Amino acid sequence: MTDPPLPSTTDGLVLIRAPVPGEAQVLVAGRDEAFYRWLGPGADEPRPAGCIHAGGQIVGWVDYDLDRDWLEPGEVNVGYHVFAPHRGQGYATRAVRLLLHHLSVRTDYTVASLLIDAANQRSLALAARIGAVAAAHPGGSYFRRPVPPLSYSDGVMTIRPAQPGEVGSSRSEPFGSGPRWVFCAELAAAGCVGHAGCDLAGDRMPRGEASIWCTCLPEHRGKGHESRAARLVTHFLRDHTGARQAPLVTDARSRRSAC
């Protein structure tokens, strides 16, 4: 793969990052009957895009490739494997969403697809959870979804990744690393009116679940902009992370916002 290596990217619960020397042995040791049934023999020295980490250990891997003759321009084929003791805890779904986040931040790919055996119920369920839609394919159950955007708009307001030094943002780490993301909230006629953000590793929620905050410049307060920005942040959380719901904290008040 010629794309840049996948950096450490986390949603507060699961972390994915490019493998380092010696981890191929861990990935091979994690193979079981389900691996061979759904994925085939596997490489002797696997080099996936990322190892999946949870609870301080490697629990599987996530990958994408471009060398399928049925892929359309801008499309990548996504694969993953979670070791047997760690299945059923949502790690695969979170890892695939973080991979989609990586593709959105650091590549120009536009579509992610999964080719799944029709008997693989776990992977079929994952495809549904990430919003992939079934499409025709002669090789099995085939699902596609767009690589999610980084900017979201409701036609009035747009949120986009905040740059260091913009209103409310003093970030020094790359936007795409998580588990905290900060956005500039813009109105077409007024530009950036404030900022909104989410944190999946703070003390307000269990790790992997998000809290959202919004702040407007003084001249733009009291006009509903905070709530509008918060709703847009939930769209980002839905597409890029495994968070299911989040408290919205604004002006010392809290209410729940479904992701």
C-alpha atoms as a PDB file:
ATOM      1  CA  MET A   1       0.000   0.000   0.000  1.00  0.00           C
ATOM      2  CA  THR A   2       1.468   3.380  -0.985  1.00  0.00           C
ATOM      3  CA  ASP A   3      -0.846   5.494   1.187  1.00  0.00           C
ATOM      4  CA  PRO A   4       0.581   7.191   4.310  1.00  0.00           C
ATOM      5  CA  PRO A   5       0.742   4.891   7.359  1.00  0.00           C
ATOM      6  CA  LEU A   6      -2.255   4.980   9.632  1.00  0.00           C
ATOM      7  CA  PRO A   7      -1.370   7.012  12.764  1.00  0.00           C
ATOM      8  CA  SER A   8      -2.766   6.262  16.201  1.00  0.00           C
ATOM      9  CA  THR A   9      -6.464   7.124  15.957  1.00  0.00           C
ATOM     10  CA  THR A  10      -8.870   6.552  18.825  1.00  0.00           C
ATOM     11  CA  ASP A  11     -12.467   7.093  19.840  1.00  0.00           C
ATOM     12  CA  GLY A  12     -11.582   6.820  23.519  1.00  0.00           C
ATOM     13  CA  LEU A  13     -12.285   3.083  23.730  1.00  0.00           C
ATOM     14  CA  VAL A  14     -10.711   1.533  20.626  1.00  0.00           C
ATOM     15  CA  LEU A  15      -7.451   2.632  19.034  1.00  0.00           C
ATOM     16  CA  ILE A  16      -6.179   1.707  15.580  1.00  0.00           C
ATOM     17  CA  ARG A  17      -2.637   2.308  14.360  1.00  0.00           C
ATOM     18  CA  ALA A  18      -0.172   0.922  11.841  1.00  0.00           C
ATOM     19  CA  PRO A  19       1.502  -2.306  13.018  1.00  0.00           C
ATOM     20  CA  VAL A  20       5.077  -2.245  14.289  1.00  0.00           C
ATOM     21  CA  PRO A  21       7.733  -4.974  13.964  1.00  0.00           C
ATOM     22  CA  GLY A  22       6.834  -8.107  15.880  1.00  0.00           C
ATOM     23  CA  GLU A  23       3.075  -7.599  15.814  1.00  0.00           C
ATOM     24  CA  ALA A  24       2.581  -9.821  12.755  1.00  0.00           C
ATOM     25  CA  GLN A  25       3.127 -12.814  15.046  1.00  0.00           C
ATOM     26  CA  VAL A  26       0.322 -11.608  17.309  1.00  0.00           C
ATOM     27  CA  LEU A  27      -2.034 -11.286  14.336  1.00  0.00           C
ATOM     28  CA  VAL A  28      -1.196 -14.789  13.084  1.00  0.00           C
ATOM     29  CA  ALA A  29      -1.670 -16.248  16.580  1.00  0.00           C
ATOM     30  CA  GLY A  30      -5.149 -14.704  16.713  1.00  0.00           C
ATOM     31  CA  ARG A  31      -6.427 -16.708  13.747  1.00  0.00           C
ATOM     32  CA  ASP A  32      -9.116 -19.311  14.360  1.00  0.00           C
ATOM     33  CA  GLU A  33     -11.675 -21.346  12.428  1.00  0.00           C
ATOM     34  CA  ALA A  34     -13.764 -18.256  11.713  1.00  0.00           C
ATOM     35  CA  PHE A  35     -10.740 -16.453  10.256  1.00  0.00           C
ATOM     36  CA  TYR A  36      -9.962 -19.293   7.836  1.00  0.00           C
ATOM     37  CA  ARG A  37     -13.618 -19.736   6.930  1.00  0.00           C
ATOM     38  CA  TRP A  38     -14.275 -16.109   6.041  1.00  0.00           C
ATOM     39  CA  LEU A  39     -10.839 -14.783   5.047  1.00  0.00           C
ATOM     40  CA  GLY A  40      -8.874 -17.748   3.707  1.00  0.00           C
ATOM     41  CA  PRO A  41      -5.331 -18.838   4.613  1.00  0.00           C
ATOM     42  CA  GLY A  42      -3.899 -15.383   5.285  1.00  0.00           C
ATOM     43  CA  ALA A  43      -0.378 -14.081   4.737  1.00  0.00           C
ATOM     44  CA  ASP A  44       2.593 -15.431   6.673  1.00  0.00           C
ATOM     45  CA  GLU A  45       3.619 -11.860   7.535  1.00  0.00           C
ATOM     46  CA  PRO A  46       0.379  -9.875   7.624  1.00  0.00           C
ATOM     47  CA  ARG A  47       0.695  -6.108   7.235  1.00  0.00           C
ATOM     48  CA  PRO A  48      -2.781  -4.642   7.615  1.00  0.00           C
ATOM     49  CA  ALA A  49      -3.383  -0.915   7.627  1.00  0.00           C
ATOM     50  CA  GLY A  50      -3.972  -1.016  11.362  1.00  0.00           C
ATOM     51  CA  CYS A  51      -3.931  -3.151  14.479  1.00  0.00           C
ATOM     52  CA  ILE A  52      -6.985  -2.796  16.717  1.00  0.00           C
ATOM     53  CA  HIS A  53      -6.145  -2.048  20.352  1.00  0.00           C
ATOM     54  CA  ALA A  54      -8.582  -2.211  23.269  1.00  0.00           C
ATOM     55  CA  GLY A  55      -7.961  -2.625  26.965  1.00  0.00           C
ATOM     56  CA  GLY A  56      -4.208  -2.269  26.503  1.00  0.00           C
ATOM     57  CA  GLN A  57      -3.816  -5.151  24.045  1.00  0.00           C
ATOM     58  CA  ILE A  58      -4.153  -6.009  20.368  1.00  0.00           C
ATOM     59  CA  VAL A  59      -7.570  -7.544  19.725  1.00  0.00           C
ATOM     60  CA  GLY A  60      -7.517  -7.734  15.914  1.00  0.00           C
ATOM     61  CA  TRP A  61      -6.796  -5.770  12.756  1.00  0.00           C
ATOM     62  CA  VAL A  62      -8.497  -3.608  10.150  1.00  0.00           C
ATOM     63  CA  ASP A  63      -7.385  -3.078   6.564  1.00  0.00           C
ATOM     64  CA  TYR A  64      -8.288  -1.785   3.134  1.00  0.00           C
ATOM     65  CA  ASP A  65      -6.936  -2.516  -0.325  1.00  0.00           C
ATOM     66  CA  LEU A  66      -7.156  -1.268  -3.894  1.00  0.00           C
ATOM     67  CA  ASP A  67      -6.140  -4.319  -5.935  1.00  0.00           C
ATOM     68  CA  ARG A  68      -9.575  -5.755  -6.752  1.00  0.00           C
ATOM     69  CA  ASP A  69     -10.561  -5.596 -10.393  1.00  0.00           C
ATOM     70  CA  TRP A  70     -14.172  -4.842  -9.457  1.00  0.00           C
ATOM     71  CA  LEU A  71     -13.365  -1.691  -7.492  1.00  0.00           C
ATOM     72  CA  GLU A  72     -14.526   1.531  -9.071  1.00  0.00           C
ATOM     73  CA  PRO A  73     -12.339   4.678  -9.131  1.00  0.00           C
ATOM     74  CA  GLY A  74     -12.064   6.115  -5.637  1.00  0.00           C
ATOM     75  CA  GLU A  75     -13.312   2.902  -3.991  1.00  0.00           C
ATOM     76  CA  VAL A  76     -11.463   0.788  -1.421  1.00  0.00           C
ATOM     77  CA  ASN A  77     -12.240  -2.705  -0.151  1.00  0.00           C
ATOM     78  CA  VAL A  78     -12.374  -2.924   3.666  1.00  0.00           C
ATOM     79  CA  GLY A  79     -11.592  -6.014   5.737  1.00  0.00           C
ATOM     80  CA  TYR A  80     -11.132  -6.734   9.426  1.00  0.00           C
ATOM     81  CA  HIS A  81     -10.691  -9.493  11.981  1.00  0.00           C
ATOM     82  CA  VAL A  82     -11.252  -9.514  15.748  1.00  0.00           C
ATOM     83  CA  PHE A  83      -9.781 -12.319  17.839  1.00  0.00           C
ATOM     84  CA  ALA A  84     -12.340 -14.788  19.219  1.00  0.00           C
ATOM     85  CA  PRO A  85     -12.145 -13.770  22.934  1.00  0.00           C
ATOM     86  CA  HIS A  86     -12.904 -10.151  22.031  1.00  0.00           C
ATOM     87  CA  ARG A  87     -15.854 -10.563  19.678  1.00  0.00           C
ATOM     88  CA  GLY A  88     -19.283  -9.240  20.487  1.00  0.00           C
ATOM     89  CA  GLN A  89     -18.011  -6.103  22.263  1.00  0.00           C
ATOM     90  CA  GLY A  90     -18.358  -3.661  19.378  1.00  0.00           C
ATOM     91  CA  TYR A  91     -14.626  -3.421  18.671  1.00  0.00           C
ATOM     92  CA  ALA A  92     -14.939  -4.299  14.985  1.00  0.00           C
ATOM     93  CA  THR A  93     -17.612  -1.680  14.324  1.00  0.00           C
ATOM     94  CA  ARG A  94     -15.626   1.000  16.143  1.00  0.00           C
ATOM     95  CA  ALA A  95     -12.423   0.041  14.308  1.00  0.00           C
ATOM     96  CA  VAL A  96     -14.084   0.145  10.884  1.00  0.00           C
ATOM     97  CA  ARG A  97     -15.613   3.538  11.666  1.00  0.00           C
ATOM     98  CA  LEU A  98     -12.197   4.815  12.758  1.00  0.00           C
ATOM     99  CA  LEU A  99     -10.731   3.484   9.518  1.00  0.00           C
ATOM    100  CA  LEU A 100     -13.396   5.417   7.603  1.00  0.00           C
ATOM    101  CA  HIS A 101     -12.408   8.465   9.648  1.00  0.00           C
ATOM    102  CA  HIS A 102      -8.774   7.942   8.624  1.00  0.00           C
ATOM    103  CA  LEU A 103      -9.783   7.645   4.964  1.00  0.00           C
ATOM    104  CA  SER A 104     -11.764  10.875   5.275  1.00  0.00           C
ATOM    105  CA  VAL A 105      -8.976  12.849   6.966  1.00  0.00           C
ATOM    106  CA  ARG A 106      -5.926  11.641   5.071  1.00  0.00           C
ATOM    107  CA  THR A 107      -6.931  10.241   1.686  1.00  0.00           C
ATOM    108  CA  ASP A 108      -8.992  11.156  -1.370  1.00  0.00           C
ATOM    109  CA  TYR A 109     -10.971   7.892  -1.481  1.00  0.00           C
ATOM    110  CA  THR A 110     -14.714   8.393  -1.757  1.00  0.00           C
ATOM    111  CA  VAL A 111     -16.307   4.957  -1.237  1.00  0.00           C
ATOM    112  CA  ALA A 112     -15.645   2.051   1.141  1.00  0.00           C
ATOM    113  CA  SER A 113     -16.985  -1.397   0.321  1.00  0.00           C
ATOM    114  CA  LEU A 114     -17.225  -4.766   2.034  1.00  0.00           C
ATOM    115  CA  LEU A 115     -17.555  -8.087   0.210  1.00  0.00           C
ATOM    116  CA  ILE A 116     -19.104 -10.502   2.715  1.00  0.00           C
ATOM    117  CA  ASP A 117     -20.029 -14.176   2.577  1.00  0.00           C
ATOM    118  CA  ALA A 118     -23.810 -14.452   2.796  1.00  0.00           C
ATOM    119  CA  ALA A 119     -23.462 -16.797   5.797  1.00  0.00           C
ATOM    120  CA  ASN A 120     -21.288 -14.411   7.809  1.00  0.00           C
ATOM    121  CA  GLN A 121     -23.959 -12.935  10.034  1.00  0.00           C
ATOM    122  CA  ARG A 122     -21.592 -10.893  12.197  1.00  0.00           C
ATOM    123  CA  SER A 123     -20.122  -9.048   9.224  1.00  0.00           C
ATOM    124  CA  LEU A 124     -23.539  -8.545   7.656  1.00  0.00           C
ATOM    125  CA  ALA A 125     -24.665  -6.917  10.906  1.00  0.00           C
ATOM    126  CA  LEU A 126     -21.557  -4.706  10.938  1.00  0.00           C
ATOM    127  CA  ALA A 127     -22.275  -3.530   7.392  1.00  0.00           C
ATOM    128  CA  ALA A 128     -25.761  -2.507   8.491  1.00  0.00           C
ATOM    129  CA  ARG A 129     -24.441  -0.686  11.573  1.00  0.00           C
ATOM    130  CA  ILE A 130     -22.034   1.468   9.578  1.00  0.00           C
ATOM    131  CA  GLY A 131     -24.733   2.370   7.062  1.00  0.00           C
ATOM    132  CA  ALA A 132     -23.381   0.394   4.108  1.00  0.00           C
ATOM    133  CA  VAL A 133     -25.973  -0.347   1.412  1.00  0.00           C
ATOM    134  CA  ALA A 134     -26.251  -3.625  -0.485  1.00  0.00           C
ATOM    135  CA  ALA A 135     -25.259  -3.562  -4.162  1.00  0.00           C
ATOM    136  CA  ALA A 136     -25.077  -6.181  -6.901  1.00  0.00           C
ATOM    137  CA  HIS A 137     -21.884  -8.253  -7.065  1.00  0.00           C
ATOM    138  CA  PRO A 138     -21.258 -11.784  -8.407  1.00  0.00           C
ATOM    139  CA  GLY A 139     -18.805 -12.716  -5.623  1.00  0.00           C
ATOM    140  CA  GLY A 140     -21.069 -12.500  -2.581  1.00  0.00           C
ATOM    141  CA  SER A 141     -22.962 -10.017  -0.454  1.00  0.00           C
ATOM    142  CA  TYR A 142     -21.555  -6.620  -1.396  1.00  0.00           C
ATOM    143  CA  PHE A 143     -22.056  -3.417   0.549  1.00  0.00           C
ATOM    144  CA  ARG A 144     -20.910   0.136  -0.148  1.00  0.00           C
ATOM    145  CA  ARG A 145     -21.001   3.411   1.717  1.00  0.00           C
ATOM    146  CA  PRO A 146     -19.456   6.816   1.054  1.00  0.00           C
ATOM    147  CA  VAL A 147     -16.357   7.769   2.983  1.00  0.00           C
ATOM    148  CA  PRO A 148     -17.863  10.226   5.488  1.00  0.00           C
ATOM    149  CA  PRO A 149     -17.219  13.952   5.151  1.00  0.00           C
ATOM    150  CA  LEU A 150     -15.422  16.110   7.687  1.00  0.00           C
ATOM    151  CA  SER A 151     -17.790  19.052   7.269  1.00  0.00           C
ATOM    152  CA  TYR A 152     -21.525  18.869   7.949  1.00  0.00           C
ATOM    153  CA  SER A 153     -24.234  21.368   7.081  1.00  0.00           C
ATOM    154  CA  ASP A 154     -27.970  21.756   7.630  1.00  0.00           C
ATOM    155  CA  GLY A 155     -28.283  24.468   4.985  1.00  0.00           C
ATOM    156  CA  VAL A 156     -27.916  27.286   7.509  1.00  0.00           C
ATOM    157  CA  MET A 157     -24.855  26.336   9.536  1.00  0.00           C
ATOM    158  CA  THR A 158     -21.748  24.370   8.603  1.00  0.00           C
ATOM    159  CA  ILE A 159     -19.270  22.780  10.977  1.00  0.00           C
ATOM    160  CA  ARG A 160     -15.762  22.045   9.755  1.00  0.00           C
ATOM    161  CA  PRO A 161     -12.502  21.043  11.471  1.00  0.00           C
ATOM    162  CA  ALA A 162     -11.126  23.996  13.409  1.00  0.00           C
ATOM    163  CA  GLN A 163      -7.602  25.104  12.693  1.00  0.00           C
ATOM    164  CA  PRO A 164      -5.152  25.979  15.492  1.00  0.00           C
ATOM    165  CA  GLY A 165      -5.733  29.549  16.610  1.00  0.00           C
ATOM    166  CA  GLU A 166      -9.331  29.771  15.366  1.00  0.00           C
ATOM    167  CA  VAL A 167     -12.075  30.718  17.784  1.00  0.00           C
ATOM    168  CA  GLY A 168     -12.074  28.360  20.734  1.00  0.00           C
ATOM    169  CA  SER A 169      -9.355  26.121  19.327  1.00  0.00           C
ATOM    170  CA  SER A 170      -5.848  25.760  20.678  1.00  0.00           C
ATOM    171  CA  ARG A 171      -5.248  22.304  19.280  1.00  0.00           C
ATOM    172  CA  SER A 172      -1.685  21.238  18.610  1.00  0.00           C
ATOM    173  CA  GLU A 173      -2.381  17.594  17.726  1.00  0.00           C
ATOM    174  CA  PRO A 174      -3.796  16.659  14.282  1.00  0.00           C
ATOM    175  CA  PHE A 175      -7.575  16.886  13.977  1.00  0.00           C
ATOM    176  CA  GLY A 176      -7.855  13.276  12.873  1.00  0.00           C
ATOM    177  CA  SER A 177      -6.257  11.604  15.879  1.00  0.00           C
ATOM    178  CA  GLY A 178      -9.215  11.779  18.283  1.00  0.00           C
ATOM    179  CA  PRO A 179     -10.687  11.255  20.790  1.00  0.00           C
ATOM    180  CA  ARG A 180     -11.369  15.012  20.987  1.00  0.00           C
ATOM    181  CA  TRP A 181     -12.482  16.905  17.902  1.00  0.00           C
ATOM    182  CA  VAL A 182     -13.095  20.661  17.638  1.00  0.00           C
ATOM    183  CA  PHE A 183     -15.125  22.321  14.877  1.00  0.00           C
ATOM    184  CA  CYS A 184     -15.632  25.850  13.693  1.00  0.00           C
ATOM    185  CA  ALA A 185     -19.341  26.673  13.381  1.00  0.00           C
ATOM    186  CA  GLU A 186     -19.954  28.907  10.382  1.00  0.00           C
ATOM    187  CA  LEU A 187     -22.898  30.860   9.004  1.00  0.00           C
ATOM    188  CA  ALA A 188     -22.789  31.886   5.363  1.00  0.00           C
ATOM    189  CA  ALA A 189     -23.372  35.550   6.145  1.00  0.00           C
ATOM    190  CA  ALA A 190     -21.234  35.801   9.283  1.00  0.00           C
ATOM    191  CA  GLY A 191     -18.380  33.339   8.949  1.00  0.00           C
ATOM    192  CA  CYS A 192     -17.194  31.500  12.061  1.00  0.00           C
ATOM    193  CA  VAL A 193     -19.570  32.378  14.909  1.00  0.00           C
ATOM    194  CA  GLY A 194     -18.226  29.960  17.505  1.00  0.00           C
ATOM    195  CA  HIS A 195     -17.007  26.436  17.964  1.00  0.00           C
ATOM    196  CA  ALA A 196     -18.375  23.024  18.852  1.00  0.00           C
ATOM    197  CA  GLY A 197     -16.602  19.895  19.922  1.00  0.00           C
ATOM    198  CA  CYS A 198     -16.896  16.377  21.225  1.00  0.00           C
ATOM    199  CA  ASP A 199     -14.783  14.345  23.622  1.00  0.00           C
ATOM    200  CA  LEU A 200     -14.872  10.563  23.890  1.00  0.00           C
ATOM    201  CA  ALA A 201     -12.388  10.238  26.732  1.00  0.00           C
ATOM    202  CA  GLY A 202     -13.519  12.827  29.259  1.00  0.00           C
ATOM    203  CA  ASP A 203     -14.925  12.322  32.735  1.00  0.00           C
ATOM    204  CA  ARG A 204     -18.533  13.146  31.817  1.00  0.00           C
ATOM    205  CA  MET A 205     -19.165   9.831  30.031  1.00  0.00           C
ATOM    206  CA  PRO A 206     -17.696   6.314  29.921  1.00  0.00           C
ATOM    207  CA  ARG A 207     -14.786   6.075  27.511  1.00  0.00           C
ATOM    208  CA  GLY A 208     -16.026   5.670  23.970  1.00  0.00           C
ATOM    209  CA  GLU A 209     -19.204   7.633  24.634  1.00  0.00           C
ATOM    210  CA  ALA A 210     -19.207  11.304  23.745  1.00  0.00           C
ATOM    211  CA  SER A 211     -19.877  14.587  25.452  1.00  0.00           C
ATOM    212  CA  ILE A 212     -20.571  17.606  23.245  1.00  0.00           C
ATOM    213  CA  TRP A 213     -19.992  21.275  23.974  1.00  0.00           C
ATOM    214  CA  CYS A 214     -20.740  24.421  21.999  1.00  0.00           C
ATOM    215  CA  THR A 215     -19.717  28.051  22.511  1.00  0.00           C
ATOM    216  CA  CYS A 216     -20.650  31.101  20.440  1.00  0.00           C
ATOM    217  CA  LEU A 217     -19.045  34.519  20.260  1.00  0.00           C
ATOM    218  CA  PRO A 218     -20.931  36.976  22.503  1.00  0.00           C
ATOM    219  CA  GLU A 219     -22.693  38.736  19.628  1.00  0.00           C
ATOM    220  CA  HIS A 220     -24.101  35.439  18.350  1.00  0.00           C
ATOM    221  CA  ARG A 221     -25.404  33.970  21.596  1.00  0.00           C
ATOM    222  CA  GLY A 222     -29.084  33.370  22.295  1.00  0.00           C
ATOM    223  CA  LYS A 223     -29.946  32.671  18.658  1.00  0.00           C
ATOM    224  CA  GLY A 224     -30.071  28.874  18.763  1.00  0.00           C
ATOM    225  CA  HIS A 225     -26.658  28.444  17.167  1.00  0.00           C
ATOM    226  CA  GLU A 226     -25.361  26.171  19.949  1.00  0.00           C
ATOM    227  CA  SER A 227     -28.155  23.635  19.496  1.00  0.00           C
ATOM    228  CA  ARG A 228     -27.803  23.717  15.723  1.00  0.00           C
ATOM    229  CA  ALA A 229     -24.053  23.080  15.953  1.00  0.00           C
ATOM    230  CA  ALA A 230     -24.568  20.276  18.471  1.00  0.00           C
ATOM    231  CA  ARG A 231     -26.944  18.468  16.127  1.00  0.00           C
ATOM    232  CA  LEU A 232     -24.348  18.654  13.368  1.00  0.00           C
ATOM    233  CA  VAL A 233     -21.683  17.240  15.710  1.00  0.00           C
ATOM    234  CA  THR A 234     -23.928  14.212  16.337  1.00  0.00           C
ATOM    235  CA  HIS A 235     -23.833  13.517  12.589  1.00  0.00           C
ATOM    236  CA  PHE A 236     -20.041  13.479  12.730  1.00  0.00           C
ATOM    237  CA  LEU A 237     -20.098  11.142  15.736  1.00  0.00           C
ATOM    238  CA  ARG A 238     -22.528   8.796  13.997  1.00  0.00           C
ATOM    239  CA  ASP A 239     -20.305   8.431  10.921  1.00  0.00           C
ATOM    240  CA  HIS A 240     -16.820   8.532  12.442  1.00  0.00           C
ATOM    241  CA  THR A 241     -17.097   6.879  15.865  1.00  0.00           C
ATOM    242  CA  GLY A 242     -18.928   4.226  17.858  1.00  0.00           C
ATOM    243  CA  ALA A 243     -20.632   6.708  20.208  1.00  0.00           C
ATOM    244  CA  ARG A 244     -24.344   6.031  20.543  1.00  0.00           C
ATOM    245  CA  GLN A 245     -25.522   9.044  22.526  1.00  0.00           C
ATOM    246  CA  ALA A 246     -23.998  12.091  24.157  1.00  0.00           C
ATOM    247  CA  PRO A 247     -24.889  14.734  26.713  1.00  0.00           C
ATOM    248  CA  LEU A 248     -24.885  18.253  25.326  1.00  0.00           C
ATOM    249  CA  VAL A 249     -23.335  20.635  27.840  1.00  0.00           C
ATOM    250  CA  THR A 250     -24.035  24.329  27.253  1.00  0.00           C
ATOM    251  CA  ASP A 251     -24.385  27.198  29.701  1.00  0.00           C
ATOM    252  CA  ALA A 252     -24.092  24.720  32.615  1.00  0.00           C
ATOM    253  CA  ARG A 253     -27.227  22.896  31.431  1.00  0.00           C
ATOM    254  CA  SER A 254     -27.258  19.358  30.041  1.00  0.00           C
ATOM    255  CA  ARG A 255     -29.584  17.453  27.766  1.00  0.00           C
ATOM    256  CA  ARG A 256     -29.190  14.251  25.813  1.00  0.00           C
ATOM    257  CA  SER A 257     -28.564  14.171  22.071  1.00  0.00           C
ATOM    258  CA  ALA A 258     -28.931  10.916  20.139  1.00  0.00           C
ATOM    259  CA  CYS A 259     -26.119  10.035  17.762  1.00  0.00           C
END
